């Protein structure tokens, strides 16, 4: 998982060649801690198809505010700089993959 900040959001997320699953997270958030291992697995399993990144909302409020994040974890999938799907709250791995699979052609192949 790659760290994203207010200063790197445009470069690492909006201009990314691959789809980016951005986890809006916070250190104080128990569900965020629960989903982190799942996101780390996806980062490895879908390497080359998907970038998995995280943004600490407390340290980077500008981006979280602009994205309309109200609860954590919020997972936005960006494709071509646009949000194509959003998942709010911790989800099992299968549910998370199902939510993003339509936007990852190699997962569907």
N, C-alpha and C. Protein backbone atom coordinates (compact mmCIF):
# COMPACT_ATOMS: atom_id res chain seq x y z
N UNK A 1 0.85 -1.18 0.00
CA UNK A 1 0.00 0.00 0.00
C UNK A 1 0.89 1.23 0.00
N UNK A 2 0.50 2.19 -0.81
CA UNK A 2 1.29 3.41 -0.85
C UNK A 2 0.60 4.52 -0.08
N UNK A 3 1.38 5.31 0.64
CA UNK A 3 0.79 6.44 1.37
C UNK A 3 0.52 7.60 0.41
N UNK A 4 -0.62 8.25 0.62
CA UNK A 4 -1.01 9.42 -0.17
C UNK A 4 -1.28 10.56 0.80
N UNK A 5 -0.92 11.76 0.39
CA UNK A 5 -1.16 12.96 1.20
C UNK A 5 -1.91 13.98 0.36
N UNK A 6 -2.30 15.07 1.02
CA UNK A 6 -2.91 16.17 0.28
C UNK A 6 -2.01 16.61 -0.87
N UNK A 7 -0.71 16.64 -0.61
CA UNK A 7 0.25 17.13 -1.61
C UNK A 7 0.51 16.14 -2.74
N UNK A 8 0.31 14.84 -2.51
CA UNK A 8 0.61 13.84 -3.54
C UNK A 8 -0.65 13.24 -4.18
N UNK A 9 -1.82 13.61 -3.71
CA UNK A 9 -3.07 13.02 -4.19
C UNK A 9 -3.22 13.14 -5.71
N UNK A 10 -3.03 14.32 -6.23
CA UNK A 10 -3.23 14.50 -7.68
C UNK A 10 -2.28 13.61 -8.48
N UNK A 11 -1.02 13.60 -8.11
CA UNK A 11 -0.03 12.83 -8.85
C UNK A 11 -0.25 11.32 -8.70
N UNK A 12 -0.44 10.84 -7.46
CA UNK A 12 -0.49 9.40 -7.21
C UNK A 12 -1.85 8.77 -7.47
N UNK A 13 -2.91 9.57 -7.40
CA UNK A 13 -4.25 9.01 -7.56
C UNK A 13 -4.90 9.49 -8.86
N UNK A 14 -5.03 10.79 -9.02
CA UNK A 14 -5.75 11.32 -10.17
C UNK A 14 -5.02 11.09 -11.49
N UNK A 15 -3.70 11.08 -11.48
CA UNK A 15 -2.92 10.88 -12.71
C UNK A 15 -2.41 9.46 -12.89
N UNK A 16 -2.79 8.56 -12.02
CA UNK A 16 -2.30 7.18 -12.08
C UNK A 16 -2.75 6.48 -13.35
N UNK A 17 -1.87 5.65 -13.88
CA UNK A 17 -2.21 4.86 -15.07
C UNK A 17 -3.13 3.70 -14.72
N UNK A 18 -2.91 3.10 -13.58
CA UNK A 18 -3.74 1.99 -13.13
C UNK A 18 -4.88 2.50 -12.26
N UNK A 19 -5.94 1.72 -12.12
CA UNK A 19 -6.96 2.07 -11.13
C UNK A 19 -6.33 2.16 -9.74
N UNK A 20 -6.85 3.07 -8.91
CA UNK A 20 -6.34 3.24 -7.55
C UNK A 20 -7.48 3.06 -6.57
N UNK A 21 -7.30 2.13 -5.65
CA UNK A 21 -8.23 1.96 -4.54
C UNK A 21 -7.65 2.73 -3.36
N UNK A 22 -8.28 3.85 -3.04
CA UNK A 22 -7.77 4.73 -1.99
C UNK A 22 -8.58 4.54 -0.71
N UNK A 23 -7.88 4.15 0.34
CA UNK A 23 -8.47 3.94 1.65
C UNK A 23 -8.33 5.22 2.45
N UNK A 24 -9.45 5.88 2.72
CA UNK A 24 -9.46 7.04 3.61
C UNK A 24 -9.56 6.46 5.02
N UNK A 25 -8.52 6.66 5.83
CA UNK A 25 -8.40 5.96 7.10
C UNK A 25 -7.98 6.92 8.21
N UNK A 26 -8.01 6.40 9.43
CA UNK A 26 -7.55 7.16 10.59
C UNK A 26 -7.00 6.18 11.62
N UNK A 27 -5.99 6.60 12.36
CA UNK A 27 -5.38 5.73 13.37
C UNK A 27 -6.36 5.32 14.46
N UNK A 28 -7.32 6.15 14.77
CA UNK A 28 -8.26 5.90 15.86
C UNK A 28 -9.45 5.03 15.45
N UNK A 29 -9.50 4.61 14.21
CA UNK A 29 -10.67 3.93 13.63
C UNK A 29 -10.51 2.40 13.68
N UNK A 30 -11.24 1.70 14.58
CA UNK A 30 -11.13 0.23 14.65
C UNK A 30 -11.48 -0.49 13.33
N UNK A 31 -12.57 -0.12 12.61
CA UNK A 31 -12.84 -0.82 11.34
C UNK A 31 -11.72 -0.61 10.31
N UNK A 32 -11.05 0.53 10.38
CA UNK A 32 -9.92 0.78 9.47
C UNK A 32 -8.81 -0.22 9.72
N UNK A 33 -8.56 -0.52 10.98
CA UNK A 33 -7.52 -1.49 11.34
C UNK A 33 -7.94 -2.90 10.91
N UNK A 34 -9.23 -3.17 10.96
CA UNK A 34 -9.73 -4.49 10.55
C UNK A 34 -9.56 -4.73 9.06
N UNK A 35 -9.75 -3.70 8.25
CA UNK A 35 -9.70 -3.89 6.81
C UNK A 35 -8.28 -3.78 6.24
N UNK A 36 -7.36 -3.24 6.99
CA UNK A 36 -6.00 -3.04 6.48
C UNK A 36 -5.34 -4.33 5.98
N UNK A 37 -5.41 -5.46 6.71
CA UNK A 37 -4.81 -6.69 6.17
C UNK A 37 -5.44 -7.13 4.84
N UNK A 38 -6.73 -6.91 4.70
CA UNK A 38 -7.41 -7.25 3.44
C UNK A 38 -6.86 -6.39 2.31
N UNK A 39 -6.69 -5.12 2.57
CA UNK A 39 -6.16 -4.22 1.54
C UNK A 39 -4.71 -4.57 1.20
N UNK A 40 -3.94 -4.97 2.19
CA UNK A 40 -2.56 -5.39 1.93
C UNK A 40 -2.53 -6.64 1.05
N UNK A 41 -3.43 -7.57 1.29
CA UNK A 41 -3.53 -8.77 0.44
C UNK A 41 -3.89 -8.39 -0.99
N UNK A 42 -4.87 -7.51 -1.14
CA UNK A 42 -5.28 -7.08 -2.49
C UNK A 42 -4.14 -6.38 -3.21
N UNK A 43 -3.36 -5.59 -2.49
CA UNK A 43 -2.24 -4.89 -3.10
C UNK A 43 -1.25 -5.88 -3.72
N UNK A 44 -1.05 -6.99 -3.05
CA UNK A 44 -0.13 -8.02 -3.56
C UNK A 44 -0.79 -8.82 -4.67
N UNK A 45 -2.00 -9.30 -4.43
CA UNK A 45 -2.69 -10.17 -5.38
C UNK A 45 -3.03 -9.47 -6.70
N UNK A 46 -3.33 -8.19 -6.63
CA UNK A 46 -3.74 -7.45 -7.84
C UNK A 46 -2.66 -6.50 -8.34
N UNK A 47 -1.43 -6.74 -7.90
CA UNK A 47 -0.30 -5.93 -8.36
C UNK A 47 -0.24 -5.95 -9.89
N UNK A 48 -0.05 -4.80 -10.48
CA UNK A 48 -0.03 -4.69 -11.94
C UNK A 48 -1.39 -4.38 -12.53
N UNK A 49 -2.46 -4.55 -11.72
CA UNK A 49 -3.82 -4.25 -12.17
C UNK A 49 -4.43 -3.12 -11.36
N UNK A 50 -3.95 -2.97 -10.12
CA UNK A 50 -4.56 -2.05 -9.18
C UNK A 50 -3.49 -1.52 -8.23
N UNK A 51 -3.58 -0.24 -7.92
CA UNK A 51 -2.75 0.35 -6.88
C UNK A 51 -3.64 0.51 -5.66
N UNK A 52 -3.16 0.03 -4.53
CA UNK A 52 -3.89 0.21 -3.27
C UNK A 52 -3.13 1.25 -2.46
N UNK A 53 -3.84 2.29 -2.06
CA UNK A 53 -3.20 3.41 -1.37
C UNK A 53 -4.02 3.78 -0.14
N UNK A 54 -3.40 4.52 0.76
CA UNK A 54 -4.13 4.98 1.94
C UNK A 54 -3.82 6.43 2.22
N UNK A 55 -4.83 7.12 2.75
CA UNK A 55 -4.71 8.53 3.11
C UNK A 55 -5.26 8.71 4.52
N UNK A 56 -4.43 9.22 5.40
CA UNK A 56 -4.84 9.50 6.78
C UNK A 56 -5.67 10.79 6.76
N UNK A 57 -6.94 10.67 7.13
CA UNK A 57 -7.84 11.83 7.03
C UNK A 57 -7.50 12.92 8.04
N UNK A 58 -6.92 12.54 9.18
CA UNK A 58 -6.56 13.55 10.17
C UNK A 58 -5.37 14.39 9.71
N UNK A 59 -4.42 13.75 9.06
CA UNK A 59 -3.23 14.46 8.57
C UNK A 59 -3.47 15.14 7.23
N UNK A 60 -4.53 14.75 6.52
CA UNK A 60 -4.79 15.25 5.17
C UNK A 60 -6.26 15.61 4.99
N UNK A 61 -6.73 16.58 5.76
CA UNK A 61 -8.16 16.90 5.73
C UNK A 61 -8.65 17.50 4.42
N UNK A 62 -7.78 18.17 3.69
CA UNK A 62 -8.21 18.83 2.45
C UNK A 62 -8.74 17.81 1.44
N UNK A 63 -8.00 16.74 1.24
CA UNK A 63 -8.41 15.73 0.26
C UNK A 63 -9.64 14.98 0.74
N UNK A 64 -9.67 14.64 2.02
CA UNK A 64 -10.84 13.94 2.57
C UNK A 64 -12.09 14.79 2.42
N UNK A 65 -11.98 16.06 2.71
CA UNK A 65 -13.12 16.98 2.59
C UNK A 65 -13.57 17.09 1.14
N UNK A 66 -12.62 17.25 0.23
CA UNK A 66 -12.95 17.38 -1.19
C UNK A 66 -13.62 16.11 -1.73
N UNK A 67 -13.27 14.96 -1.16
CA UNK A 67 -13.85 13.70 -1.60
C UNK A 67 -15.19 13.42 -0.91
N UNK A 68 -15.58 14.27 0.02
CA UNK A 68 -16.85 14.09 0.71
C UNK A 68 -16.86 12.94 1.70
N UNK A 69 -15.70 12.61 2.23
CA UNK A 69 -15.60 11.49 3.17
C UNK A 69 -16.22 11.89 4.51
N UNK A 70 -17.19 11.11 4.95
CA UNK A 70 -17.88 11.38 6.20
C UNK A 70 -17.66 10.28 7.23
N UNK A 71 -17.29 9.09 6.80
CA UNK A 71 -17.06 7.97 7.69
C UNK A 71 -15.87 7.16 7.24
N UNK A 72 -15.27 6.46 8.19
CA UNK A 72 -14.11 5.66 7.86
C UNK A 72 -14.35 4.21 8.26
N UNK A 73 -13.76 3.29 7.50
CA UNK A 73 -13.01 3.58 6.29
C UNK A 73 -13.95 3.86 5.12
N UNK A 74 -13.51 4.75 4.25
CA UNK A 74 -14.15 4.96 2.96
C UNK A 74 -13.13 4.57 1.91
N UNK A 75 -13.55 3.71 1.01
CA UNK A 75 -12.67 3.22 -0.05
C UNK A 75 -13.22 3.71 -1.38
N UNK A 76 -12.48 4.59 -2.03
CA UNK A 76 -12.86 5.10 -3.34
C UNK A 76 -12.00 4.43 -4.39
N UNK A 77 -12.63 3.95 -5.45
CA UNK A 77 -11.88 3.40 -6.58
C UNK A 77 -11.85 4.47 -7.67
N UNK A 78 -10.63 4.91 -7.99
CA UNK A 78 -10.42 5.92 -9.02
C UNK A 78 -9.93 5.25 -10.29
N UNK A 79 -10.58 5.56 -11.40
CA UNK A 79 -10.14 5.10 -12.71
C UNK A 79 -10.08 6.33 -13.60
N UNK A 80 -8.92 6.59 -14.16
CA UNK A 80 -8.77 7.78 -15.00
C UNK A 80 -9.04 9.06 -14.24
N UNK A 81 -8.74 9.07 -12.96
CA UNK A 81 -8.90 10.27 -12.14
C UNK A 81 -10.31 10.50 -11.63
N UNK A 82 -11.23 9.58 -11.91
CA UNK A 82 -12.62 9.73 -11.49
C UNK A 82 -13.00 8.60 -10.53
N UNK A 83 -13.84 8.92 -9.55
CA UNK A 83 -14.36 7.90 -8.65
C UNK A 83 -15.41 7.09 -9.40
N UNK A 84 -15.18 5.78 -9.50
CA UNK A 84 -16.13 4.93 -10.22
C UNK A 84 -16.94 4.06 -9.25
N UNK A 85 -16.46 3.89 -8.05
CA UNK A 85 -17.22 3.19 -7.03
C UNK A 85 -16.69 3.57 -5.65
N UNK A 86 -17.56 3.42 -4.66
CA UNK A 86 -17.20 3.77 -3.29
C UNK A 86 -17.77 2.72 -2.34
N UNK A 87 -16.96 2.32 -1.38
CA UNK A 87 -17.38 1.39 -0.33
C UNK A 87 -17.11 2.08 1.00
N UNK A 88 -18.13 2.17 1.83
CA UNK A 88 -17.97 2.78 3.15
C UNK A 88 -18.12 1.69 4.20
N UNK A 89 -17.14 1.61 5.08
CA UNK A 89 -17.14 0.60 6.13
C UNK A 89 -16.30 -0.60 5.76
N UNK A 90 -15.89 -1.34 6.78
CA UNK A 90 -15.10 -2.55 6.56
C UNK A 90 -15.97 -3.61 5.90
N UNK A 91 -15.39 -4.31 4.95
CA UNK A 91 -16.08 -5.38 4.22
C UNK A 91 -15.17 -6.60 4.15
N UNK A 92 -15.76 -7.79 4.05
CA UNK A 92 -14.93 -8.97 3.80
C UNK A 92 -14.25 -8.85 2.43
N UNK A 93 -13.18 -9.56 2.27
CA UNK A 93 -12.40 -9.49 1.03
C UNK A 93 -13.26 -9.77 -0.20
N UNK A 94 -14.07 -10.81 -0.15
CA UNK A 94 -14.89 -11.17 -1.32
C UNK A 94 -15.84 -10.04 -1.69
N UNK A 95 -16.42 -9.38 -0.71
CA UNK A 95 -17.34 -8.27 -0.99
C UNK A 95 -16.61 -7.08 -1.59
N UNK A 96 -15.41 -6.83 -1.11
CA UNK A 96 -14.62 -5.72 -1.64
C UNK A 96 -14.19 -6.00 -3.08
N UNK A 97 -13.74 -7.22 -3.34
CA UNK A 97 -13.36 -7.59 -4.71
C UNK A 97 -14.58 -7.48 -5.63
N UNK A 98 -15.73 -7.93 -5.18
CA UNK A 98 -16.94 -7.84 -6.00
C UNK A 98 -17.29 -6.40 -6.32
N UNK A 99 -17.06 -5.50 -5.38
CA UNK A 99 -17.39 -4.08 -5.59
C UNK A 99 -16.49 -3.42 -6.62
N UNK A 100 -15.26 -3.91 -6.77
CA UNK A 100 -14.31 -3.24 -7.68
C UNK A 100 -14.03 -4.04 -8.96
N UNK A 101 -14.43 -5.30 -8.99
CA UNK A 101 -14.04 -6.21 -10.08
C UNK A 101 -14.44 -5.71 -11.46
N UNK A 102 -15.59 -5.09 -11.59
CA UNK A 102 -16.04 -4.63 -12.91
C UNK A 102 -15.11 -3.59 -13.51
N UNK A 103 -14.30 -2.98 -12.70
CA UNK A 103 -13.39 -1.93 -13.17
C UNK A 103 -11.97 -2.42 -13.34
N UNK A 104 -11.77 -3.74 -13.15
CA UNK A 104 -10.44 -4.34 -13.30
C UNK A 104 -10.55 -5.47 -14.31
N UNK A 105 -10.25 -5.20 -15.58
CA UNK A 105 -10.49 -6.17 -16.65
C UNK A 105 -9.82 -7.52 -16.43
N UNK A 106 -8.64 -7.56 -15.83
CA UNK A 106 -7.97 -8.84 -15.68
C UNK A 106 -8.62 -9.70 -14.62
N UNK A 107 -9.31 -9.11 -13.66
CA UNK A 107 -10.04 -9.88 -12.66
C UNK A 107 -11.22 -10.58 -13.32
N UNK A 108 -11.80 -9.94 -14.32
CA UNK A 108 -12.98 -10.51 -14.99
C UNK A 108 -12.62 -11.52 -16.06
N UNK A 109 -11.34 -11.55 -16.47
CA UNK A 109 -10.94 -12.44 -17.57
C UNK A 109 -10.98 -13.90 -17.18
